[in-house]
Structure formats: C-alpha cells, structure tokens
Amino acid sequence: MDIVHVTVTDFEGTKHTLDGLAGWRLMEVIRDYGLPIKAECGGACACATCHVYVSPEWFSKLIPANSEETMMMDDAMAVEDTSRLSCQIILSPELEGLEVTLAPNP
C-alpha cells in the first residue's frame, strides 16, 4: 500500500503532517491520529461532523461530491466554497501533500 502524506490544520492553527494509507478515508486518518474531529457516523455520510476545508489548490483535484454528501453539507456549520466531508475523501497517491483545515463542529 502507498503512504499518502496529508497536512491537517487544527482549530488552533497548528499544522500536523499525517501519514495515511491509500484507500483509507481522510476522516479515518485524522481520527486515528487523535485530532479533534467528531466523525459521529463513522464515515457513513450520515452527519456533517467530519467537515473540513480543503486548500483551494487541492479542491479541484478531488473527486466531486456526490448528491448524498452535498445534502449532508446543508447540515454543516460555516460551509465555504472548499468545504468537504473528510469521510468522502479517499486517499490516493494523487493526493500526496493534500492540505485541509478542520472546520468548526458544534
């Protein structure tokens, strides 16, 4: 399996470089590193508590959100143009260096 490095900025502005396996959901990697992401539904795209902001230079490189994710974003707080649910971002070698910021959670 390929290792994919991602940078996650937390609520205090601290950047964390995380190693994830290709094929894993970004949410799983963030959660497994112990960063403060709720991910209440465990990746089922049934909540919006794994909301992240994708750096603009990376946003267009992601597979576009499906209708289920788009509907869930209606429940997210502080949605921006580059908002995504991290449970719907599947790591791949093409995402080496991906940068995201944790979005506020209620």
PDB file of N, CA and C in Angstrom:
ATOM      1  N   MET A   1       0.842  -1.193   0.000  1.00  0.00           N
ATOM      2  CA  MET A   1       0.000   0.000   0.000  1.00  0.00           C
ATOM      3  C   MET A   1       0.877   1.242   0.000  1.00  0.00           C
ATOM      4  N   ASP A   2       0.395   2.243  -0.698  1.00  0.00           N
ATOM      5  CA  ASP A   2       1.100   3.514  -0.746  1.00  0.00           C
ATOM      6  C   ASP A   2       0.775   4.356   0.471  1.00  0.00           C
ATOM      7  N   ILE A   3       1.802   5.033   0.992  1.00  0.00           N
ATOM      8  CA  ILE A   3       1.615   6.003   2.069  1.00  0.00           C
ATOM      9  C   ILE A   3       1.333   7.351   1.417  1.00  0.00           C
ATOM     10  N   VAL A   4       0.325   8.048   1.920  1.00  0.00           N
ATOM     11  CA  VAL A   4      -0.053   9.374   1.423  1.00  0.00           C
ATOM     12  C   VAL A   4       0.088  10.343   2.593  1.00  0.00           C
ATOM     13  N   HIS A   5       0.889  11.382   2.403  1.00  0.00           N
ATOM     14  CA  HIS A   5       1.085  12.386   3.442  1.00  0.00           C
ATOM     15  C   HIS A   5       0.091  13.518   3.242  1.00  0.00           C
ATOM     16  N   VAL A   6      -0.596  13.881   4.317  1.00  0.00           N
ATOM     17  CA  VAL A   6      -1.547  14.992   4.281  1.00  0.00           C
ATOM     18  C   VAL A   6      -1.221  15.942   5.425  1.00  0.00           C
ATOM     19  N   THR A   7      -1.528  17.211   5.225  1.00  0.00           N
ATOM     20  CA  THR A   7      -1.336  18.204   6.276  1.00  0.00           C
ATOM     21  C   THR A   7      -2.696  18.671   6.732  1.00  0.00           C
ATOM     22  N   VAL A   8      -2.927  18.573   8.038  1.00  0.00           N
ATOM     23  CA  VAL A   8      -4.202  18.961   8.634  1.00  0.00           C
ATOM     24  C   VAL A   8      -3.926  20.088   9.624  1.00  0.00           C
ATOM     25  N   THR A   9      -4.628  21.201   9.444  1.00  0.00           N
ATOM     26  CA  THR A   9      -4.524  22.313  10.373  1.00  0.00           C
ATOM     27  C   THR A   9      -5.673  22.211  11.361  1.00  0.00           C
ATOM     28  N   ASP A  10      -5.329  22.250  12.662  1.00  0.00           N
ATOM     29  CA  ASP A  10      -6.357  22.103  13.691  1.00  0.00           C
ATOM     30  C   ASP A  10      -6.988  23.447  14.042  1.00  0.00           C
ATOM     31  N   PHE A  11      -7.837  23.460  15.050  1.00  0.00           N
ATOM     32  CA  PHE A  11      -8.592  24.657  15.429  1.00  0.00           C
ATOM     33  C   PHE A  11      -7.698  25.785  15.940  1.00  0.00           C
ATOM     34  N   GLU A  12      -6.517  25.447  16.471  1.00  0.00           N
ATOM     35  CA  GLU A  12      -5.596  26.460  16.980  1.00  0.00           C
ATOM     36  C   GLU A  12      -4.635  26.963  15.908  1.00  0.00           C
ATOM     37  N   GLY A  13      -4.711  26.396  14.694  1.00  0.00           N
ATOM     38  CA  GLY A  13      -3.823  26.806  13.615  1.00  0.00           C
ATOM     39  C   GLY A  13      -2.548  25.989  13.523  1.00  0.00           C
ATOM     40  N   THR A  14      -2.446  24.941  14.333  1.00  0.00           N
ATOM     41  CA  THR A  14      -1.277  24.072  14.294  1.00  0.00           C
ATOM     42  C   THR A  14      -1.405  23.100  13.127  1.00  0.00           C
ATOM     43  N   LYS A  15      -0.319  22.975  12.357  1.00  0.00           N
ATOM     44  CA  LYS A  15      -0.310  22.052  11.219  1.00  0.00           C
ATOM     45  C   LYS A  15       0.263  20.711  11.651  1.00  0.00           C
ATOM     46  N   HIS A  16      -0.411  19.652  11.243  1.00  0.00           N
ATOM     47  CA  HIS A  16       0.003  18.284  11.559  1.00  0.00           C
ATOM     48  C   HIS A  16       0.191  17.542  10.241  1.00  0.00           C
ATOM     49  N   THR A  17       1.358  16.933  10.043  1.00  0.00           N
ATOM     50  CA  THR A  17       1.578  16.098   8.872  1.00  0.00           C
ATOM     51  C   THR A  17       1.266  14.670   9.268  1.00  0.00           C
ATOM     52  N   LEU A  18       0.299  14.087   8.578  1.00  0.00           N
ATOM     53  CA  LEU A  18      -0.185  12.743   8.899  1.00  0.00           C
ATOM     54  C   LEU A  18       0.145  11.792   7.760  1.00  0.00           C
ATOM     55  N   ASP A  19       0.423  10.549   8.102  1.00  0.00           N
ATOM     56  CA  ASP A  19       0.643   9.502   7.113  1.00  0.00           C
ATOM     57  C   ASP A  19      -0.608   8.643   7.051  1.00  0.00           C
ATOM     58  N   GLY A  20      -1.161   8.513   5.870  1.00  0.00           N
ATOM     59  CA  GLY A  20      -2.325   7.660   5.682  1.00  0.00           C
ATOM     60  C   GLY A  20      -2.062   6.651   4.583  1.00  0.00           C
ATOM     61  N   LEU A  21      -2.827   5.604   4.585  1.00  0.00           N
ATOM     62  CA  LEU A  21      -2.708   4.590   3.542  1.00  0.00           C
ATOM     63  C   LEU A  21      -3.662   4.902   2.402  1.00  0.00           C
ATOM     64  N   ALA A  22      -3.183   4.730   1.179  1.00  0.00           N
ATOM     65  CA  ALA A  22      -4.053   4.875   0.019  1.00  0.00           C
ATOM     66  C   ALA A  22      -5.233   3.920   0.193  1.00  0.00           C
ATOM     67  N   GLY A  23      -6.426   4.419  -0.102  1.00  0.00           N
ATOM     68  CA  GLY A  23      -7.644   3.637   0.049  1.00  0.00           C
ATOM     69  C   GLY A  23      -8.381   3.939   1.337  1.00  0.00           C
ATOM     70  N   TRP A  24      -7.725   4.590   2.294  1.00  0.00           N
ATOM     71  CA  TRP A  24      -8.375   4.975   3.546  1.00  0.00           C
ATOM     72  C   TRP A  24      -9.099   6.289   3.359  1.00  0.00           C
ATOM     73  N   ARG A  25     -10.113   6.505   4.162  1.00  0.00           N
ATOM     74  CA  ARG A  25     -10.826   7.784   4.178  1.00  0.00           C
ATOM     75  C   ARG A  25      -9.992   8.786   4.984  1.00  0.00           C
ATOM     76  N   LEU A  26      -9.943  10.009   4.520  1.00  0.00           N
ATOM     77  CA  LEU A  26      -9.216  11.044   5.240  1.00  0.00           C
ATOM     78  C   LEU A  26      -9.710  11.148   6.676  1.00  0.00           C
ATOM     79  N   MET A  27     -11.003  11.032   6.890  1.00  0.00           N
ATOM     80  CA  MET A  27     -11.574  11.097   8.236  1.00  0.00           C
ATOM     81  C   MET A  27     -10.937  10.065   9.156  1.00  0.00           C
ATOM     82  N   GLU A  28     -10.721   8.845   8.666  1.00  0.00           N
ATOM     83  CA  GLU A  28     -10.124   7.791   9.483  1.00  0.00           C
ATOM     84  C   GLU A  28      -8.716   8.156   9.922  1.00  0.00           C
ATOM     85  N   VAL A  29      -7.958   8.732   9.020  1.00  0.00           N
ATOM     86  CA  VAL A  29      -6.581   9.114   9.333  1.00  0.00           C
ATOM     87  C   VAL A  29      -6.575  10.221  10.381  1.00  0.00           C
ATOM     88  N   ILE A  30      -7.401  11.247  10.183  1.00  0.00           N
ATOM     89  CA  ILE A  30      -7.472  12.360  11.144  1.00  0.00           C
ATOM     90  C   ILE A  30      -7.882  11.832  12.525  1.00  0.00           C
ATOM     91  N   ARG A  31      -8.890  11.004  12.561  1.00  0.00           N
ATOM     92  CA  ARG A  31      -9.377  10.436  13.831  1.00  0.00           C
ATOM     93  C   ARG A  31      -8.317   9.562  14.495  1.00  0.00           C
ATOM     94  N   ASP A  32      -7.662   8.713  13.709  1.00  0.00           N
ATOM     95  CA  ASP A  32      -6.678   7.793  14.269  1.00  0.00           C
ATOM     96  C   ASP A  32      -5.457   8.512  14.834  1.00  0.00           C
ATOM     97  N   TYR A  33      -5.170   9.699  14.337  1.00  0.00           N
ATOM     98  CA  TYR A  33      -4.069  10.497  14.889  1.00  0.00           C
ATOM     99  C   TYR A  33      -4.506  11.274  16.138  1.00  0.00           C
ATOM    100  N   GLY A  34      -5.768  11.173  16.498  1.00  0.00           N
ATOM    101  CA  GLY A  34      -6.244  11.794  17.723  1.00  0.00           C
ATOM    102  C   GLY A  34      -6.558  13.275  17.596  1.00  0.00           C
ATOM    103  N   LEU A  35      -6.693  13.772  16.375  1.00  0.00           N
ATOM    104  CA  LEU A  35      -7.079  15.172  16.202  1.00  0.00           C
ATOM    105  C   LEU A  35      -8.570  15.322  16.511  1.00  0.00           C
ATOM    106  N   PRO A  36      -8.993  16.518  16.901  1.00  0.00           N
ATOM    107  CA  PRO A  36     -10.380  16.712  17.363  1.00  0.00           C
ATOM    108  C   PRO A  36     -11.413  16.770  16.234  1.00  0.00           C
ATOM    109  N   ILE A  37     -11.725  15.614  15.699  1.00  0.00           N
ATOM    110  CA  ILE A  37     -12.773  15.517  14.679  1.00  0.00           C
ATOM    111  C   ILE A  37     -13.826  14.562  15.231  1.00  0.00           C
ATOM    112  N   LYS A  38     -15.081  14.964  15.179  1.00  0.00           N
ATOM    113  CA  LYS A  38     -16.132  14.138  15.791  1.00  0.00           C
ATOM    114  C   LYS A  38     -16.409  12.880  14.986  1.00  0.00           C
ATOM    115  N   ALA A  39     -16.681  13.029  13.709  1.00  0.00           N
ATOM    116  CA  ALA A  39     -16.943  11.874  12.837  1.00  0.00           C
ATOM    117  C   ALA A  39     -17.938  10.922  13.473  1.00  0.00           C
ATOM    118  N   GLU A  40     -19.064  11.461  13.903  1.00  0.00           N
ATOM    119  CA  GLU A  40     -20.044  10.703  14.680  1.00  0.00           C
ATOM    120  C   GLU A  40     -20.631   9.503  13.960  1.00  0.00           C
ATOM    121  N   CYS A  41     -20.777   9.571  12.646  1.00  0.00           N
ATOM    122  CA  CYS A  41     -21.388   8.446  11.937  1.00  0.00           C
ATOM    123  C   CYS A  41     -20.357   7.420  11.480  1.00  0.00           C
ATOM    124  N   GLY A  42     -19.085   7.670  11.734  1.00  0.00           N
ATOM    125  CA  GLY A  42     -18.046   6.703  11.393  1.00  0.00           C
ATOM    126  C   GLY A  42     -17.752   6.587   9.914  1.00  0.00           C
ATOM    127  N   GLY A  43     -18.146   7.565   9.131  1.00  0.00           N
ATOM    128  CA  GLY A  43     -17.834   7.546   7.705  1.00  0.00           C
ATOM    129  C   GLY A  43     -18.978   7.128   6.810  1.00  0.00           C
ATOM    130  N   ALA A  44     -20.183   7.084   7.342  1.00  0.00           N
ATOM    131  CA  ALA A  44     -21.344   6.647   6.564  1.00  0.00           C
ATOM    132  C   ALA A  44     -22.010   7.785   5.782  1.00  0.00           C
ATOM    133  N   CYS A  45     -21.432   8.976   5.833  1.00  0.00           N
ATOM    134  CA  CYS A  45     -22.005  10.151   5.165  1.00  0.00           C
ATOM    135  C   CYS A  45     -23.423  10.410   5.676  1.00  0.00           C
ATOM    136  N   ALA A  46     -23.585  10.248   7.010  1.00  0.00           N
ATOM    137  CA  ALA A  46     -24.897  10.439   7.627  1.00  0.00           C
ATOM    138  C   ALA A  46     -24.894  11.585   8.630  1.00  0.00           C
ATOM    139  N   CYS A  47     -23.811  12.339   8.674  1.00  0.00           N
ATOM    140  CA  CYS A  47     -23.722  13.524   9.528  1.00  0.00           C
ATOM    141  C   CYS A  47     -22.741  14.478   8.848  1.00  0.00           C
ATOM    142  N   ALA A  48     -22.469  15.574   9.442  1.00  0.00           N
ATOM    143  CA  ALA A  48     -21.505  16.508   8.839  1.00  0.00           C
ATOM    144  C   ALA A  48     -20.407  16.861   9.831  1.00  0.00           C
ATOM    145  N   THR A  49     -20.142  15.956  10.772  1.00  0.00           N
ATOM    146  CA  THR A  49     -19.192  16.273  11.834  1.00  0.00           C
ATOM    147  C   THR A  49     -17.735  15.990  11.471  1.00  0.00           C
ATOM    148  N   CYS A  50     -17.479  15.612  10.235  1.00  0.00           N
ATOM    149  CA  CYS A  50     -16.097  15.444   9.764  1.00  0.00           C
ATOM    150  C   CYS A  50     -15.765  16.491   8.704  1.00  0.00           C
ATOM    151  N   HIS A  51     -16.481  17.584   8.749  1.00  0.00           N
ATOM    152  CA  HIS A  51     -16.348  18.692   7.805  1.00  0.00           C
ATOM    153  C   HIS A  51     -14.935  19.277   7.855  1.00  0.00           C
ATOM    154  N   VAL A  52     -14.334  19.457   6.690  1.00  0.00           N
ATOM    155  CA  VAL A  52     -13.031  20.108   6.565  1.00  0.00           C
ATOM    156  C   VAL A  52     -13.085  21.129   5.436  1.00  0.00           C
ATOM    157  N   TYR A  53     -12.137  22.049   5.482  1.00  0.00           N
ATOM    158  CA  TYR A  53     -11.913  22.983   4.372  1.00  0.00           C
ATOM    159  C   TYR A  53     -10.688  22.481   3.619  1.00  0.00           C
ATOM    160  N   VAL A  54     -10.845  22.241   2.342  1.00  0.00           N
ATOM    161  CA  VAL A  54      -9.745  21.778   1.501  1.00  0.00           C
ATOM    162  C   VAL A  54      -9.034  23.011   0.957  1.00  0.00           C
ATOM    163  N   SER A  55      -7.710  22.995   1.001  1.00  0.00           N
ATOM    164  CA  SER A  55      -6.958  24.116   0.432  1.00  0.00           C
ATOM    165  C   SER A  55      -7.361  24.294  -1.025  1.00  0.00           C
ATOM    166  N   PRO A  56      -7.545  25.547  -1.452  1.00  0.00           N
ATOM    167  CA  PRO A  56      -8.043  25.800  -2.811  1.00  0.00           C
ATOM    168  C   PRO A  56      -7.254  25.107  -3.913  1.00  0.00           C
ATOM    169  N   GLU A  57      -5.942  25.007  -3.767  1.00  0.00           N
ATOM    170  CA  GLU A  57      -5.140  24.380  -4.827  1.00  0.00           C
ATOM    171  C   GLU A  57      -5.387  22.875  -4.925  1.00  0.00           C
ATOM    172  N   TRP A  58      -6.008  22.281  -3.912  1.00  0.00           N
ATOM    173  CA  TRP A  58      -6.308  20.857  -3.915  1.00  0.00           C
ATOM    174  C   TRP A  58      -7.762  20.548  -4.245  1.00  0.00           C
ATOM    175  N   PHE A  59      -8.639  21.502  -4.059  1.00  0.00           N
ATOM    176  CA  PHE A  59     -10.072  21.243  -4.172  1.00  0.00           C
ATOM    177  C   PHE A  59     -10.454  20.622  -5.522  1.00  0.00           C
ATOM    178  N   SER A  60      -9.942  21.157  -6.599  1.00  0.00           N
ATOM    179  CA  SER A  60     -10.316  20.658  -7.936  1.00  0.00           C
ATOM    180  C   SER A  60      -9.703  19.294  -8.245  1.00  0.00           C
ATOM    181  N   LYS A  61      -8.753  18.842  -7.437  1.00  0.00           N
ATOM    182  CA  LYS A  61      -8.124  17.540  -7.663  1.00  0.00           C
ATOM    183  C   LYS A  61      -8.907  16.397  -7.021  1.00  0.00           C
ATOM    184  N   LEU A  62      -9.896  16.753  -6.193  1.00  0.00           N
ATOM    185  CA  LEU A  62     -10.711  15.733  -5.538  1.00  0.00           C
ATOM    186  C   LEU A  62     -11.824  15.258  -6.470  1.00  0.00           C
ATOM    187  N   ILE A  63     -12.255  14.039  -6.251  1.00  0.00           N
ATOM    188  CA  ILE A  63     -13.449  13.557  -6.946  1.00  0.00           C
ATOM    189  C   ILE A  63     -14.599  14.427  -6.455  1.00  0.00           C
ATOM    190  N   PRO A  64     -15.431  14.955  -7.345  1.00  0.00           N
ATOM    191  CA  PRO A  64     -16.523  15.838  -6.914  1.00  0.00           C
ATOM    192  C   PRO A  64     -17.467  15.164  -5.916  1.00  0.00           C
ATOM    193  N   ALA A  65     -18.045  15.983  -5.053  1.00  0.00           N
ATOM    194  CA  ALA A  65     -19.006  15.484  -4.064  1.00  0.00           C
ATOM    195  C   ALA A  65     -20.221  14.882  -4.769  1.00  0.00           C
ATOM    196  N   ASN A  66     -20.708  13.774  -4.228  1.00  0.00           N
ATOM    197  CA  ASN A  66     -21.934  13.194  -4.771  1.00  0.00           C
ATOM    198  C   ASN A  66     -23.143  13.872  -4.128  1.00  0.00           C
ATOM    199  N   SER A  67     -24.332  13.529  -4.555  1.00  0.00           N
ATOM    200  CA  SER A  67     -25.543  14.195  -4.054  1.00  0.00           C
ATOM    201  C   SER A  67     -25.754  13.949  -2.563  1.00  0.00           C
ATOM    202  N   GLU A  68     -25.388  12.786  -2.073  1.00  0.00           N
ATOM    203  CA  GLU A  68     -25.533  12.478  -0.648  1.00  0.00           C
ATOM    204  C   GLU A  68     -24.654  13.412   0.198  1.00  0.00           C
ATOM    205  N   GLU A  69     -23.401  13.584  -0.221  1.00  0.00           N
ATOM    206  CA  GLU A  69     -22.509  14.492   0.505  1.00  0.00           C
ATOM    207  C   GLU A  69     -23.007  15.929   0.422  1.00  0.00           C
ATOM    208  N   THR A  70     -23.461  16.331  -0.742  1.00  0.00           N
ATOM    209  CA  THR A  70     -23.975  17.694  -0.918  1.00  0.00           C
ATOM    210  C   THR A  70     -25.154  17.949   0.019  1.00  0.00           C
ATOM    211  N   MET A  71     -26.042  16.974   0.162  1.00  0.00           N
ATOM    212  CA  MET A  71     -27.176  17.123   1.074  1.00  0.00           C
ATOM    213  C   MET A  71     -26.707  17.220   2.523  1.00  0.00           C
ATOM    214  N   MET A  72     -25.709  16.440   2.890  1.00  0.00           N
ATOM    215  CA  MET A  72     -25.201  16.472   4.265  1.00  0.00           C
ATOM    216  C   MET A  72     -24.540  17.813   4.568  1.00  0.00           C
ATOM    217  N   MET A  73     -23.943  18.439   3.575  1.00  0.00           N
ATOM    218  CA  MET A  73     -23.291  19.732   3.796  1.00  0.00           C
ATOM    219  C   MET A  73     -24.309  20.797   4.187  1.00  0.00           C
ATOM    220  N   ASP A  74     -25.591  20.575   3.872  1.00  0.00           N
ATOM    221  CA  ASP A  74     -26.635  21.507   4.303  1.00  0.00           C
ATOM    222  C   ASP A  74     -26.741  21.562   5.827  1.00  0.00           C
ATOM    223  N   ASP A  75     -26.287  20.503   6.509  1.00  0.00           N
ATOM    224  CA  ASP A  75     -26.332  20.441   7.970  1.00  0.00           C
ATOM    225  C   ASP A  75     -25.038  20.906   8.635  1.00  0.00           C
ATOM    226  N   ALA A  76     -24.022  21.177   7.832  1.00  0.00           N
ATOM    227  CA  ALA A  76     -22.721  21.575   8.386  1.00  0.00           C
ATOM    228  C   ALA A  76     -22.726  23.049   8.765  1.00  0.00           C
ATOM    229  N   MET A  77     -21.897  23.377   9.748  1.00  0.00           N
ATOM    230  CA  MET A  77     -21.721  24.770  10.154  1.00  0.00           C
ATOM    231  C   MET A  77     -20.628  25.407   9.294  1.00  0.00           C
ATOM    232  N   ALA A  78     -20.762  26.701   9.053  1.00  0.00           N
ATOM    233  CA  ALA A  78     -19.700  27.505   8.432  1.00  0.00           C
ATOM    234  C   ALA A  78     -19.195  26.901   7.112  1.00  0.00           C
ATOM    235  N   VAL A  79     -20.116  26.517   6.246  1.00  0.00           N
ATOM    236  CA  VAL A  79     -19.749  25.933   4.950  1.00  0.00           C
ATOM    237  C   VAL A  79     -19.118  27.023   4.065  1.00  0.00           C
ATOM    238  N   GLU A  80     -18.038  26.639   3.403  1.00  0.00           N
ATOM    239  CA  GLU A  80     -17.345  27.531   2.474  1.00  0.00           C
ATOM    240  C   GLU A  80     -17.229  26.852   1.118  1.00  0.00           C
ATOM    241  N   ASP A  81     -16.709  27.577   0.143  1.00  0.00           N
ATOM    242  CA  ASP A  81     -16.601  27.042  -1.220  1.00  0.00           C
ATOM    243  C   ASP A  81     -15.763  25.766  -1.306  1.00  0.00           C
ATOM    244  N   THR A  82     -14.804  25.610  -0.399  1.00  0.00           N
ATOM    245  CA  THR A  82     -13.933  24.432  -0.446  1.00  0.00           C
ATOM    246  C   THR A  82     -14.270  23.419   0.656  1.00  0.00           C
ATOM    247  N   SER A  83     -15.478  23.466   1.180  1.00  0.00           N
ATOM    248  CA  SER A  83     -15.909  22.520   2.210  1.00  0.00           C
ATOM    249  C   SER A  83     -16.144  21.142   1.620  1.00  0.00           C
ATOM    250  N   ARG A  84     -15.704  20.127   2.377  1.00  0.00           N
ATOM    251  CA  ARG A  84     -15.983  18.732   2.034  1.00  0.00           C
ATOM    252  C   ARG A  84     -16.120  17.936   3.319  1.00  0.00           C
ATOM    253  N   LEU A  85     -16.725  16.776   3.220  1.00  0.00           N
ATOM    254  CA  LEU A  85     -16.754  15.839   4.334  1.00  0.00           C
ATOM    255  C   LEU A  85     -15.535  14.930   4.177  1.00  0.00           C
ATOM    256  N   SER A  86     -14.718  14.874   5.223  1.00  0.00           N
ATOM    257  CA  SER A  86     -13.474  14.106   5.110  1.00  0.00           C
ATOM    258  C   SER A  86     -13.726  12.606   4.985  1.00  0.00           C
ATOM    259  N   CYS A  87     -14.915  12.149   5.349  1.00  0.00           N
ATOM    260  CA  CYS A  87     -15.236  10.732   5.170  1.00  0.00           C
ATOM    261  C   CYS A  87     -15.436  10.379   3.703  1.00  0.00           C
ATOM    262  N   GLN A  88     -15.595  11.380   2.869  1.00  0.00           N
ATOM    263  CA  GLN A  88     -15.826  11.147   1.440  1.00  0.00           C
ATOM    264  C   GLN A  88     -14.579  11.381   0.599  1.00  0.00           C
ATOM    265  N   ILE A  89     -13.467  11.693   1.258  1.00  0.00           N
ATOM    266  CA  ILE A  89     -12.195  11.886   0.561  1.00  0.00           C
ATOM    267  C   ILE A  89     -11.374  10.616   0.765  1.00  0.00           C
ATOM    268  N   ILE A  90     -11.200   9.862  -0.315  1.00  0.00           N
ATOM    269  CA  ILE A  90     -10.444   8.612  -0.263  1.00  0.00           C
ATOM    270  C   ILE A  90      -9.009   8.928  -0.689  1.00  0.00           C
ATOM    271  N   LEU A  91      -8.066   8.596   0.193  1.00  0.00           N
ATOM    272  CA  LEU A  91      -6.673   8.896  -0.113  1.00  0.00           C
ATOM    273  C   LEU A  91      -6.174   8.054  -1.274  1.00  0.00           C
ATOM    274  N   SER A  92      -5.355   8.683  -2.110  1.00  0.00           N
ATOM    275  CA  SER A  92      -4.737   8.017  -3.246  1.00  0.00           C
ATOM    276  C   SER A  92      -3.378   8.678  -3.468  1.00  0.00           C
ATOM    277  N   PRO A  93      -2.484   8.035  -4.201  1.00  0.00           N
ATOM    278  CA  PRO A  93      -1.187   8.645  -4.457  1.00  0.00           C
ATOM    279  C   PRO A  93      -1.296  10.040  -5.098  1.00  0.00           C
ATOM    280  N   GLU A  94      -2.365  10.277  -5.847  1.00  0.00           N
ATOM    281  CA  GLU A  94      -2.558  11.586  -6.482  1.00  0.00           C
ATOM    282  C   GLU A  94      -2.816  12.682  -5.450  1.00  0.00           C
ATOM    283  N   LEU A  95      -3.191  12.302  -4.232  1.00  0.00           N
ATOM    284  CA  LEU A  95      -3.465  13.284  -3.183  1.00  0.00           C
ATOM    285  C   LEU A  95      -2.279  13.475  -2.235  1.00  0.00           C
ATOM    286  N   GLU A  96      -1.107  12.988  -2.626  1.00  0.00           N
ATOM    287  CA  GLU A  96       0.106  13.204  -1.834  1.00  0.00           C
ATOM    288  C   GLU A  96       0.296  14.701  -1.609  1.00  0.00           C
ATOM    289  N   GLY A  97       0.369  15.111  -0.332  1.00  0.00           N
ATOM    290  CA  GLY A  97       0.552  16.520   0.008  1.00  0.00           C
ATOM    291  C   GLY A  97      -0.735  17.280   0.231  1.00  0.00           C
ATOM    292  N   LEU A  98      -1.888  16.619   0.167  1.00  0.00           N
ATOM    293  CA  LEU A  98      -3.186  17.264   0.389  1.00  0.00           C
ATOM    294  C   LEU A  98      -3.172  18.088   1.667  1.00  0.00           C
ATOM    295  N   GLU A  99      -3.787  19.264   1.616  1.00  0.00           N
ATOM    296  CA  GLU A  99      -3.870  20.135   2.786  1.00  0.00           C
ATOM    297  C   GLU A  99      -5.321  20.464   3.081  1.00  0.00           C
ATOM    298  N   VAL A 100      -5.715  20.265   4.345  1.00  0.00           N
ATOM    299  CA  VAL A 100      -7.063  20.582   4.788  1.00  0.00           C
ATOM    300  C   VAL A 100      -6.995  21.256   6.159  1.00  0.00           C
ATOM    301  N   THR A 101      -8.092  21.928   6.502  1.00  0.00           N
ATOM    302  CA  THR A 101      -8.237  22.555   7.807  1.00  0.00           C
ATOM    303  C   THR A 101      -9.514  22.034   8.429  1.00  0.00           C
ATOM    304  N   LEU A 102      -9.455  21.679   9.710  1.00  0.00           N
ATOM    305  CA  LEU A 102     -10.664  21.228  10.409  1.00  0.00           C
ATOM    306  C   LEU A 102     -11.662  22.374  10.488  1.00  0.00           C
ATOM    307  N   ALA A 103     -12.899  22.101  10.162  1.00  0.00           N
ATOM    308  CA  ALA A 103     -13.963  23.102  10.253  1.00  0.00           C
ATOM    309  C   ALA A 103     -14.552  23.052  11.665  1.00  0.00           C
ATOM    310  N   PRO A 104     -15.169  24.143  12.103  1.00  0.00           N
ATOM    311  CA  PRO A 104     -15.759  24.129  13.450  1.00  0.00           C
ATOM    312  C   PRO A 104     -16.876  23.097  13.557  1.00  0.00           C
ATOM    313  N   ASN A 105     -16.950  22.468  14.711  1.00  0.00           N
ATOM    314  CA  ASN A 105     -18.011  21.499  14.998  1.00  0.00           C
ATOM    315  C   ASN A 105     -18.806  21.985  16.185  1.00  0.00           C
ATOM    316  N   PRO A 106     -20.106  21.758  16.179  1.00  0.00           N
ATOM    317  CA  PRO A 106     -20.917  22.174  17.336  1.00  0.00           C
ATOM    318  C   PRO A 106     -20.571  21.366  18.574  1.00  0.00           C
TER     319      PRO A 106
END
